[in-house]
Protein backbone atom coordinates (compact mmCIF):
# COMPACT_ATOMS: atom_id res chain seq x y z
CA MET A 1 -40.09 -18.34 165.81
CA LYS A 2 -43.35 -19.52 164.29
CA LYS A 3 -45.13 -18.97 167.66
CA TYR A 4 -43.96 -15.35 167.81
CA PHE A 5 -45.14 -14.78 164.24
CA ILE A 6 -48.61 -16.19 165.00
CA ALA A 7 -48.87 -14.03 168.16
CA LEU A 8 -47.91 -10.88 166.22
CA LEU A 9 -50.44 -11.68 163.50
CA ALA A 10 -53.15 -12.14 166.12
CA LEU A 11 -52.30 -8.79 167.72
CA LEU A 12 -52.45 -7.03 164.38
CA THR A 13 -55.81 -8.65 163.69
CA ILE A 14 -57.22 -7.38 167.01
CA VAL A 15 -55.95 -3.85 166.33
CA SER A 16 -57.20 -3.86 162.74
CA PHE A 17 -60.66 -5.26 163.35
CA GLY A 18 -61.30 -4.61 167.03
CA GLN A 19 -59.69 -1.44 168.26
CA THR A 20 -59.68 0.75 165.18
CA PRO A 21 -63.48 1.10 164.88
CA ILE A 22 -63.67 2.06 168.58
CA VAL A 23 -61.03 4.81 168.17
CA SER A 24 -62.66 6.00 164.96
CA ALA A 25 -66.03 6.17 166.68
CA ALA A 26 -64.54 8.25 169.49
CA PHE A 27 -63.10 10.71 167.00
CA ALA A 28 -66.33 10.73 165.06
CA GLN A 29 -68.22 11.83 168.17
CA ALA A 30 -65.88 14.79 168.80
CA PRO A 31 -67.19 18.19 167.56
CA ARG A 32 -65.66 19.30 164.30
CA LEU A 33 -64.53 22.88 163.74
CA SER A 34 -64.74 24.09 160.17
CA ILE A 35 -63.37 27.21 158.53
CA PRO A 36 -66.28 29.43 157.52
CA ASP A 37 -67.00 30.13 153.88
CA PHE A 38 -66.58 33.87 153.54
CA ALA A 39 -67.67 34.07 149.88
CA ASP A 40 -71.31 35.00 150.49
CA LEU A 41 -70.34 37.43 153.25
CA VAL A 42 -67.83 39.19 150.99
CA GLU A 43 -70.36 39.39 148.17
CA ARG A 44 -72.82 41.16 150.46
CA ALA A 45 -70.35 43.44 152.26
CA SER A 46 -67.91 44.51 149.53
CA PRO A 47 -70.19 47.04 147.77
CA ALA A 48 -70.31 49.12 150.97
CA VAL A 49 -66.50 49.32 151.30
CA VAL A 50 -64.90 52.29 149.57
CA ASN A 51 -61.46 53.37 148.44
CA ILE A 52 -60.33 56.76 149.70
CA ARG A 53 -57.76 58.81 147.80
CA THR A 54 -56.51 62.14 149.11
CA THR A 55 -54.60 64.95 147.42
CA GLU A 56 -52.73 68.04 148.55
CA LYS A 57 -51.48 71.22 146.94
CA VAL A 58 -47.77 71.27 146.10
CA ALA A 59 -45.56 73.71 144.22
CA ALA A 60 -45.22 72.85 140.52
CA GLN A 61 -41.86 71.56 139.30
CA SER A 62 -40.03 73.87 136.92
CA GLN A 63 -38.63 71.03 134.79
CA GLY A 64 -40.32 68.37 132.72
CA GLY A 65 -40.06 64.63 133.11
CA ILE A 66 -41.31 62.22 135.72
CA PRO A 67 -41.63 63.71 139.22
CA GLY A 68 -38.77 62.48 141.34
CA MET A 69 -36.71 61.29 138.31
CA PRO A 70 -33.59 63.33 137.43
CA GLU A 71 -33.70 64.84 133.91
CA GLU A 72 -30.56 63.00 132.78
CA GLN A 73 -32.07 59.66 133.85
CA ALA A 74 -35.29 60.40 131.95
CA GLU A 75 -33.23 61.29 128.86
CA PHE A 76 -31.41 57.95 129.20
CA PHE A 77 -34.70 56.05 129.09
CA ARG A 78 -35.88 58.02 126.05
CA ARG A 79 -32.66 57.62 124.05
CA PHE A 80 -31.74 53.97 124.73
CA PHE A 81 -35.08 52.31 125.37
CA GLY A 82 -37.40 54.48 123.30
CA VAL A 83 -39.52 55.34 126.33
CA PRO A 84 -41.20 58.72 125.67
CA ILE A 85 -40.93 60.97 128.71
CA PRO A 86 -43.39 63.89 128.96
CA GLY A 87 -41.66 67.25 128.82
CA LEU A 88 -38.55 66.00 126.98
CA PRO A 89 -37.80 66.04 123.23
CA GLY A 90 -39.66 63.22 121.52
CA GLY A 91 -42.07 62.83 124.40
CA PRO A 92 -45.75 63.68 124.51
CA LYS A 93 -46.62 67.32 125.09
CA GLN A 94 -48.13 68.34 128.36
CA ALA A 95 -49.33 71.57 129.86
CA GLN A 96 -46.56 73.09 131.91
CA PRO A 97 -47.72 74.87 135.08
CA LYS A 98 -45.94 78.04 136.02
CA PRO A 99 -43.02 77.50 138.42
CA GLY A 100 -44.17 77.77 142.03
CA GLN A 101 -47.86 77.58 141.10
CA PRO A 102 -49.69 75.08 143.37
CA GLN A 103 -50.95 71.93 141.73
CA GLU A 104 -52.82 68.89 143.00
CA ALA A 105 -50.71 65.84 143.85
CA ASP A 106 -51.71 62.47 145.26
CA ARG A 107 -51.14 62.31 149.00
CA GLY A 108 -52.20 58.80 150.02
CA VAL A 109 -54.81 56.07 149.86
CA GLY A 110 -56.92 54.36 152.47
CA SER A 111 -60.24 52.66 153.01
CA GLY A 112 -63.63 53.41 154.49
CA PHE A 113 -67.14 52.02 154.62
CA ILE A 114 -70.68 53.32 154.23
CA ILE A 115 -72.84 53.32 157.37
CA GLU A 116 -75.87 55.15 155.92
CA SER A 117 -77.35 54.85 152.44
CA ASN A 118 -77.28 58.65 151.99
CA GLY A 119 -73.47 58.59 151.74
CA LEU A 120 -72.21 58.76 155.35
CA ILE A 121 -68.78 57.10 155.57
CA LEU A 122 -66.47 56.13 158.44
CA THR A 123 -62.69 56.02 158.10
CA ASN A 124 -59.52 56.82 160.08
CA ALA A 125 -58.55 60.38 160.88
CA HIS A 126 -54.98 59.76 159.73
CA VAL A 127 -56.25 58.79 156.27
CA VAL A 128 -57.80 62.21 155.58
CA GLU A 129 -56.03 64.60 157.95
CA GLY A 130 -54.32 67.46 156.09
CA ALA A 131 -55.87 66.60 152.71
CA ASN A 132 -57.03 69.36 150.36
CA THR A 133 -59.36 67.06 148.45
CA ILE A 134 -60.83 63.69 149.38
CA TYR A 135 -62.00 61.32 146.64
CA VAL A 136 -64.20 58.32 147.39
CA THR A 137 -64.43 55.50 144.84
CA LEU A 138 -67.18 52.88 145.04
CA THR A 139 -66.89 49.30 143.82
CA ASP A 140 -68.92 50.24 140.72
CA LYS A 141 -66.11 52.71 139.87
CA ARG A 142 -68.15 55.83 140.57
CA GLU A 143 -65.99 58.54 142.14
CA PHE A 144 -67.17 61.34 144.42
CA LYS A 145 -65.58 64.30 146.15
CA ALA A 146 -66.21 63.85 149.85
CA LYS A 147 -66.89 66.44 152.51
CA LEU A 148 -65.12 66.02 155.84
CA LEU A 149 -67.75 66.39 158.58
CA GLY A 150 -65.19 66.05 161.36
CA LEU A 151 -62.22 64.10 162.66
CA ASP A 152 -60.79 63.21 166.05
CA LYS A 153 -57.07 62.48 166.17
CA ARG A 154 -57.16 61.05 169.69
CA THR A 155 -59.39 58.15 168.62
CA ASP A 156 -58.35 58.22 164.92
CA ILE A 157 -61.95 58.52 163.70
CA ALA A 158 -63.21 60.62 160.77
CA VAL A 159 -66.68 61.01 159.24
CA LEU A 160 -67.12 61.79 155.53
CA LYS A 161 -70.18 62.59 153.41
CA ILE A 162 -70.68 62.09 149.68
CA GLU A 163 -73.68 63.29 147.67
CA ALA A 164 -75.32 60.02 146.69
CA ARG A 165 -78.50 58.08 147.49
CA ASP A 166 -79.56 54.47 147.91
CA LEU A 167 -76.03 53.26 148.55
CA PRO A 168 -75.28 49.83 150.06
CA LYS A 169 -74.37 50.06 153.74
CA LEU A 170 -72.86 47.80 156.37
CA ALA A 171 -74.68 46.62 159.48
CA LEU A 172 -73.01 47.53 162.78
CA GLY A 173 -72.31 44.83 165.36
CA ASP A 174 -71.67 44.91 169.10
CA SER A 175 -67.94 45.05 169.81
CA SER A 176 -68.54 44.35 173.51
CA ARG A 177 -69.63 40.81 172.57
CA VAL A 178 -66.51 40.02 170.53
CA ARG A 179 -64.82 36.82 171.70
CA VAL A 180 -61.13 36.01 171.48
CA GLY A 181 -60.64 33.26 168.91
CA GLU A 182 -63.65 34.08 166.70
CA TRP A 183 -63.23 34.42 162.95
CA VAL A 184 -63.08 37.94 161.50
CA LEU A 185 -62.54 39.41 158.07
CA ALA A 186 -61.11 42.69 156.76
CA ILE A 187 -61.88 44.43 153.47
CA GLY A 188 -59.82 47.37 152.25
CA SER A 189 -57.28 48.75 149.80
CA PRO A 190 -53.80 47.62 150.93
CA PHE A 191 -51.16 49.34 148.80
CA GLY A 192 -54.02 50.77 146.72
CA LEU A 193 -55.33 47.31 145.71
CA GLU A 194 -59.06 47.98 146.00
CA ASN A 195 -61.49 45.56 147.64
CA THR A 196 -58.87 43.17 148.97
CA VAL A 197 -60.21 40.60 151.44
CA THR A 198 -58.18 39.02 154.27
CA ALA A 199 -59.30 36.85 157.19
CA GLY A 200 -58.09 35.69 160.59
CA ILE A 201 -59.15 35.51 164.22
CA VAL A 202 -59.44 37.88 167.16
CA SER A 203 -56.16 37.55 169.05
CA ALA A 204 -56.98 39.70 172.09
CA LYS A 205 -59.34 42.39 173.34
CA SER A 206 -58.85 45.68 175.16
CA ARG A 207 -55.26 46.23 174.07
CA ASP A 208 -54.08 49.54 175.46
CA THR A 209 -52.13 51.46 172.82
CA GLY A 210 -53.63 54.88 173.40
CA ASP A 211 -55.36 57.10 175.93
CA TYR A 212 -58.90 56.56 174.76
CA LEU A 213 -58.96 53.26 172.86
CA PRO A 214 -59.05 49.63 174.02
CA PHE A 215 -58.15 48.06 170.65
CA ILE A 216 -59.24 44.72 169.23
CA GLN A 217 -56.11 42.77 168.29
CA THR A 218 -56.31 40.35 165.35
CA ASP A 219 -54.01 38.32 163.12
CA VAL A 220 -55.85 39.50 159.99
CA ALA A 221 -53.40 40.64 157.29
CA VAL A 222 -53.62 44.45 157.39
CA ASN A 223 -51.22 46.65 155.43
CA PRO A 224 -50.85 50.34 154.53
CA GLY A 225 -54.06 51.26 152.68
CA ASN A 226 -56.25 49.02 154.85
CA SER A 227 -56.60 51.86 157.35
CA GLY A 228 -60.21 52.90 157.81
CA GLY A 229 -61.67 49.70 156.40
CA PRO A 230 -64.12 47.49 158.29
CA LEU A 231 -63.38 44.49 160.49
CA LEU A 232 -66.35 42.14 160.09
CA ASN A 233 -67.64 39.17 162.05
CA THR A 234 -69.06 36.05 160.37
CA ALA A 235 -72.54 37.62 160.40
CA GLY A 236 -71.25 40.41 158.16
CA GLN A 237 -71.48 43.04 160.91
CA VAL A 238 -68.81 45.69 161.52
CA ILE A 239 -67.14 45.15 164.88
CA GLY A 240 -64.15 47.42 164.34
CA ILE A 241 -62.26 49.83 162.11
CA ASN A 242 -58.80 48.67 161.05
CA SER A 243 -56.42 51.33 162.29
CA GLN A 244 -52.90 50.20 163.23
CA ILE A 245 -50.37 47.44 162.71
CA PHE A 246 -47.34 46.35 164.68
CA SER A 247 -44.48 46.23 162.20
CA ARG A 248 -40.71 46.52 162.04
CA SER A 249 -40.71 46.43 158.24
CA GLY A 250 -43.66 48.69 157.40
CA GLY A 251 -45.78 45.69 156.36
CA TYR A 252 -47.89 43.04 158.01
CA MET A 253 -46.20 41.00 160.77
CA GLY A 254 -49.14 39.11 162.23
CA ILE A 255 -50.48 41.74 164.65
CA SER A 256 -53.18 44.24 163.68
CA PHE A 257 -55.36 46.57 165.74
CA ALA A 258 -58.92 47.71 165.15
CA ILE A 259 -60.96 50.42 166.88
CA PRO A 260 -64.05 48.82 168.48
CA ILE A 261 -67.14 49.96 166.58
CA ASP A 262 -68.95 50.91 169.80
CA GLU A 263 -66.17 53.41 170.59
CA ALA A 264 -66.03 54.60 166.99
CA MET A 265 -69.76 55.31 166.77
CA ARG A 266 -69.74 57.21 170.07
CA VAL A 267 -67.16 59.55 168.54
CA ALA A 268 -68.77 59.57 165.07
CA ASP A 269 -72.13 60.69 166.46
CA GLN A 270 -70.52 63.79 167.95
CA LEU A 271 -68.44 64.50 164.84
CA ARG A 272 -71.43 64.42 162.48
CA THR A 273 -73.46 66.62 164.84
CA ASN A 274 -70.89 69.10 166.15
CA GLY A 275 -67.93 68.65 163.82
CA LYS A 276 -65.67 67.94 166.80
CA MET A 277 -65.35 65.67 169.81
CA THR A 278 -66.06 67.11 173.27
CA ARG A 279 -64.31 65.39 176.17
CA GLY A 280 -64.04 65.93 179.87
CA ARG A 281 -60.81 66.34 181.81
CA ILE A 282 -59.86 66.86 185.45
CA GLY A 283 -56.19 67.85 185.15
CA VAL A 284 -54.10 64.94 186.42
CA ALA A 285 -51.04 63.12 185.10
CA LEU A 286 -51.17 59.37 185.72
CA GLY A 287 -48.87 56.42 186.29
CA GLU A 288 -49.27 52.67 186.62
CA ILE A 289 -49.59 50.81 189.90
CA THR A 290 -47.15 47.90 190.07
CA LYS A 291 -47.45 44.92 192.41
CA GLU A 292 -44.67 46.29 194.63
CA ILE A 293 -46.26 49.74 194.86
CA ALA A 294 -49.71 48.28 195.56
CA GLU A 295 -48.33 46.16 198.42
CA SER A 296 -46.36 49.05 199.92
CA LEU A 297 -49.44 51.30 199.84
CA GLY A 298 -51.65 48.63 201.40
CA LEU A 299 -53.82 48.21 198.30
CA GLY A 300 -53.21 44.46 198.23
CA ARG A 301 -53.29 44.10 194.46
CA PRO A 302 -52.52 46.48 191.58
CA ARG A 303 -55.61 48.56 190.85
CA GLY A 304 -56.60 52.14 190.25
CA ALA A 305 -54.87 55.07 188.56
CA TYR A 306 -51.88 56.54 190.34
CA VAL A 307 -51.78 60.37 190.32
CA ARG A 308 -48.26 61.54 189.46
CA ASN A 309 -49.18 65.19 189.25
CA VAL A 310 -52.13 67.51 189.75
CA GLU A 311 -52.49 70.55 187.52
CA PRO A 312 -52.27 73.69 189.71
CA GLY A 313 -55.65 75.42 189.76
CA GLY A 314 -57.24 72.59 187.76
CA PRO A 315 -60.46 70.70 188.54
CA ALA A 316 -58.71 67.88 190.43
CA ALA A 317 -56.76 70.31 192.61
CA ALA A 318 -59.94 72.27 193.34
CA GLY A 319 -61.66 69.04 194.35
CA GLY A 320 -58.90 68.04 196.77
CA ILE A 321 -57.06 65.37 194.73
CA GLU A 322 -53.36 65.31 195.57
CA SER A 323 -50.23 63.94 193.95
CA GLY A 324 -49.66 60.44 195.29
CA ASP A 325 -53.37 59.58 195.47
CA VAL A 326 -54.67 56.45 193.76
CA ILE A 327 -58.05 56.95 192.05
CA LEU A 328 -60.10 53.78 192.57
CA ASN A 329 -63.53 54.87 191.35
CA PHE A 330 -64.93 57.67 189.21
CA ASN A 331 -68.66 58.39 189.21
CA GLY A 332 -69.49 54.85 190.29
CA ARG A 333 -67.20 53.17 187.75
CA ASP A 334 -64.27 51.16 189.09
CA ILE A 335 -60.86 52.13 187.73
CA ALA A 336 -58.90 48.92 187.22
CA LYS A 337 -55.85 50.51 185.59
CA SER A 338 -54.57 53.98 184.76
CA THR A 339 -55.82 53.93 181.14
CA ASP A 340 -59.39 53.44 182.37
CA LEU A 341 -59.52 56.92 183.91
CA PRO A 342 -59.00 59.08 180.76
CA ARG A 343 -61.73 57.10 178.98
CA THR A 344 -64.13 57.39 181.89
CA VAL A 345 -63.48 61.10 182.42
CA GLY A 346 -63.51 61.70 178.66
CA ASP A 347 -66.99 60.20 178.43
CA THR A 348 -68.24 62.57 181.13
CA LYS A 349 -70.00 65.73 179.98
CA PRO A 350 -68.07 68.92 180.88
CA GLY A 351 -69.73 70.70 183.79
CA THR A 352 -70.65 67.44 185.55
CA THR A 353 -69.72 67.22 189.25
CA SER A 354 -68.46 63.69 189.83
CA THR A 355 -67.66 61.63 192.90
CA VAL A 356 -64.05 60.44 192.92
CA GLN A 357 -62.87 57.80 195.38
CA VAL A 358 -59.14 57.93 196.14
CA TRP A 359 -56.79 55.80 198.21
CA ARG A 360 -54.69 57.97 200.50
CA LYS A 361 -52.60 57.06 203.53
CA GLY A 362 -54.06 53.58 203.96
CA GLY A 363 -57.74 54.40 203.45
CA THR A 364 -60.35 55.62 200.98
CA LYS A 365 -61.63 59.15 200.68
CA ASP A 366 -64.53 60.48 198.56
CA LEU A 367 -64.02 63.81 196.79
CA MET A 368 -66.19 65.92 194.48
CA VAL A 369 -64.61 67.07 191.21
CA THR A 370 -66.22 69.14 188.45
CA VAL A 371 -65.21 67.95 184.98
CA VAL A 372 -64.18 70.62 182.45
CA ASP A 373 -63.84 70.63 178.67
CA ALA A 374 -60.63 68.93 177.54
CA GLU A 375 -60.11 71.65 174.92
CA ALA A 376 -59.94 74.34 177.62
CA SER A 377 -56.50 75.87 178.10
CA GLN A 378 -54.30 74.23 180.68
CA ALA A 379 -52.24 75.97 183.31
CA PRO A 380 -48.82 77.06 182.00
CA VAL A 381 -45.72 75.28 183.27
CA LYS A 382 -43.99 77.32 185.94
CA LYS A 383 -40.36 78.26 185.64
CA SER A 384 -37.94 77.60 188.45
CA GLU A 385 -38.15 80.24 191.17
CA GLY A 386 -35.63 79.03 193.67
CA SER A 387 -33.86 76.12 195.32
CA SER A 388 -33.34 74.55 198.69
CA SER A 389 -31.82 76.40 201.58
CA GLY A 390 -31.00 75.95 205.23
CA SER A 391 -29.36 73.08 207.07
CA GLY A 392 -29.02 69.53 205.77
CA SER A 393 -28.15 65.96 206.78
CA THR A 394 -25.69 63.25 205.78
CA ASN A 395 -26.37 60.09 203.77
CA SER A 396 -25.55 57.78 206.67
CA ASN A 397 -29.21 57.04 207.38
CA SER A 398 -30.97 53.79 206.45
CA LEU A 399 -32.22 55.24 203.13
CA GLY A 400 -28.71 56.30 202.10
CA VAL A 401 -29.54 59.94 201.24
CA ALA A 402 -28.49 63.37 202.41
CA VAL A 403 -31.28 65.95 202.41
CA ALA A 404 -31.71 69.68 202.87
CA GLU A 405 -34.54 72.05 203.77
CA LEU A 406 -36.71 73.50 200.99
CA SER A 407 -37.08 77.19 200.37
CA ASP A 408 -40.55 78.70 200.15
CA ALA A 409 -39.91 79.51 196.50
CA LYS A 410 -39.14 75.85 195.77
CA LYS A 411 -42.35 74.77 197.49
CA ARG A 412 -44.36 77.24 195.37
CA GLU A 413 -42.62 76.06 192.22
CA LEU A 414 -43.47 72.39 192.87
CA SER A 415 -46.91 73.15 194.36
CA ILE A 416 -46.11 71.27 197.56
CA ARG A 417 -46.54 72.15 201.25
CA GLY A 418 -43.40 70.49 202.56
CA GLY A 419 -40.59 68.03 201.93
CA VAL A 420 -36.81 67.77 201.87
CA GLU A 421 -34.51 67.94 198.85
CA VAL A 422 -32.04 65.14 198.12
CA THR A 423 -28.54 66.65 197.95
CA SER A 424 -26.46 63.46 197.62
CA LEU A 425 -26.87 59.70 197.56
CA GLY A 426 -24.71 56.92 198.91
CA ASP A 427 -24.89 53.20 198.17
CA GLY A 428 -28.31 52.90 199.75
CA PRO A 429 -31.83 51.76 198.82
CA LEU A 430 -32.96 55.06 197.28
CA GLY A 431 -29.81 55.44 195.20
CA ARG A 432 -30.23 51.91 193.82
CA ALA A 433 -33.92 52.62 193.15
CA GLY A 434 -33.10 55.53 190.85
CA VAL A 435 -33.60 58.55 193.11
CA ARG A 436 -31.52 61.54 191.94
CA SER A 437 -29.99 64.60 193.53
CA GLY A 438 -32.54 67.40 193.30
CA ASP A 439 -35.51 65.09 193.92
CA VAL A 440 -37.77 66.09 196.80
CA ILE A 441 -38.99 63.55 199.35
CA ILE A 442 -42.50 64.67 200.29
CA ARG A 443 -43.86 61.64 202.13
CA ILE A 444 -42.78 58.36 203.71
CA ALA A 445 -45.61 55.82 204.00
CA ASP A 446 -48.53 57.81 205.47
CA THR A 447 -46.46 60.63 206.97
CA ASP A 448 -45.89 63.95 205.20
CA ILE A 449 -42.37 65.34 205.47
CA SER A 450 -42.11 68.83 206.98
CA GLY A 451 -38.35 69.22 207.37
CA VAL A 452 -34.91 67.63 207.78
CA LYS A 453 -35.15 66.96 211.53
CA GLN A 454 -38.52 65.24 211.24
CA PHE A 455 -37.24 63.26 208.21
CA GLU A 456 -34.23 61.89 210.12
CA THR A 457 -36.38 60.94 213.12
CA LEU A 458 -38.88 59.15 210.90
CA VAL A 459 -36.19 57.23 208.96
CA LYS A 460 -34.62 55.96 212.19
CA GLY A 461 -37.89 54.29 213.15
CA LEU A 462 -38.41 52.41 209.85
CA ASP A 463 -38.66 48.60 209.92
CA ALA A 464 -35.70 47.18 207.98
CA ASN A 465 -37.69 44.05 207.07
CA LYS A 466 -40.67 45.82 205.54
CA ALA A 467 -40.90 47.72 202.23
CA VAL A 468 -42.02 51.30 202.72
CA PRO A 469 -43.37 53.64 200.00
CA ILE A 470 -41.27 56.79 199.51
CA PHE A 471 -43.06 59.62 197.68
CA ILE A 472 -40.68 61.57 195.46
CA ARG A 473 -41.44 64.88 193.74
CA ARG A 474 -39.49 65.27 190.49
CA ALA A 475 -40.29 68.28 188.28
CA ASP A 476 -44.06 68.02 187.77
CA SER A 477 -44.41 64.34 188.71
CA THR A 478 -44.81 62.46 191.97
CA LEU A 479 -43.22 59.01 192.03
CA VAL A 480 -43.82 56.20 194.49
CA ILE A 481 -40.72 54.08 195.19
CA PRO A 482 -41.13 51.12 197.54
CA VAL A 483 -37.81 50.32 199.28
CA LYS A 484 -36.54 48.35 202.25
CA PRO A 485 -34.29 50.39 204.57
CA LYS A 486 -30.79 48.96 204.85
C-alpha cells in the first residue's frame, strides 16, 4: 500500500511541477480574442444618431378623458384614487376641439442618423411613410421639423432634411467588406428609449428577404423603434441601416436585418436628387432553380433565374425571351440565383439595350433586350377567352395524364404557340408531382408540343430511367417539373 502511495505522490509531483508549465505555455502562446471596448466609439457616434417621431391627422374625440379609456373607467380613477382626468369634473381644464375636427396625434417613433453636417438624414421608409409631420430630435434635445426629400418602399430607404448647420455626422463604411463574425453595434430608440446602444456580431451576409436587398444578418438586439438607426463597425463607420427583425412575439429574438449601406446610398443619392427611385425592368416573372430542375435541364448545378412568365408585349418578349428560359447572364453579370436578376436589371438605366444570355433546350442563346422604366404601366391581365377543344387521349400513358387539343382562343389567352391541356390525371408521375386538370403541357425536354398525337408519340419514347423536364403552363406562369416516366 505504501508503494502505491509513493508512486501516486511522484505522479502528482511530475504533473504539478513538470507538465503544468508546458501546458500553460502552450495556452499562453495561443492568440487571445478580446471583446472590444465600445465606450469611445459610442461617445463619438451617438451625437449623430437622431430620434424620429411622426404624427398624423385624426378626427377629434367628442368626449373628454384619456384617449382610448372609457369615460366610466376614467371617472373610477378620479373618484377612488384621486387621479385628475382632463375633461372630467375635478380634472384640469383643456381646450376641447370641435367634434370631427382633425388634430395631430402621435403615429410612431423610429431612428435615423446624420450623413451630412447640413442636416441630411437617412432612415427607413416605413418609419416616415404616411406621416403628416416628421419631428427629428437630436441628442442635445433640440427638435426640428423635417422635410421628406424622398422615400423608396422597395428598399425601405428614406432621406430627410432638417434646417441646421455644423451637425455631427457619421462616417460611411464599405458594406462589401463586412465579414461574418465581426463585431457590430447598433444605436437607436427601441420602444422610444432614445440613444440606446446594443452590440453583437454579423451572423450572415446577403440574406434574401426582398427583391432588391441582400440584407446583413446580425444578432444585435434590435426592437421596434430601432428601425432606421445605424449599424456600425468597430471603426465607428456605418455599414448598414437597421430595418427588420425576425420575431414571433413582436420583440427581439436573436435575428436582425440591416440594409447594406452601399445599397442604401445608391438609393439615397437618387432620392435626394430626383425625389424618387428610377429602376429598370424587362417584364418577367421568376422562379428558383432546384437541383432536380437543373439536372433535368442539363445545367449541372442550380444557377440562373428561371423565367416562369413573360409579360405580353413587354421588353423581354420583344427581345425573344420565352417562358421556360433560364437567364444565366445579364449585361456581363452572372446571375447565380433568381433574386440576382431584379437587382441587376433594377440597377440598369431605362433605355439601355442589354445582352441577356439564356439557357434554352440544352444550350445558351444571346438575346438583346431594352430595359424600360419600372414605373411604366404593365400589360393588363387578360381574361379567359376560351378553352380546349377537339380530340383527346387517355391517362394510360407513362406520364399518367389524359390530354386534349387547345383552341386558338386558349393559345391567345396564355400567349403560347402550342401545347395540350390536361383533362384528367391517374396515379402517375405528373399527378404525384402536383399537375392539375386544366394545366397545359407546352414542352417535354427540348421538344415543343404541337398537339395530342405528337404528345403521345413523344411520351412513348421517353426513357423510364431518366428524369425528364415537363414544362407546364398554369395561368400566367410556366412551371418546370422533372419526373421519371412510370
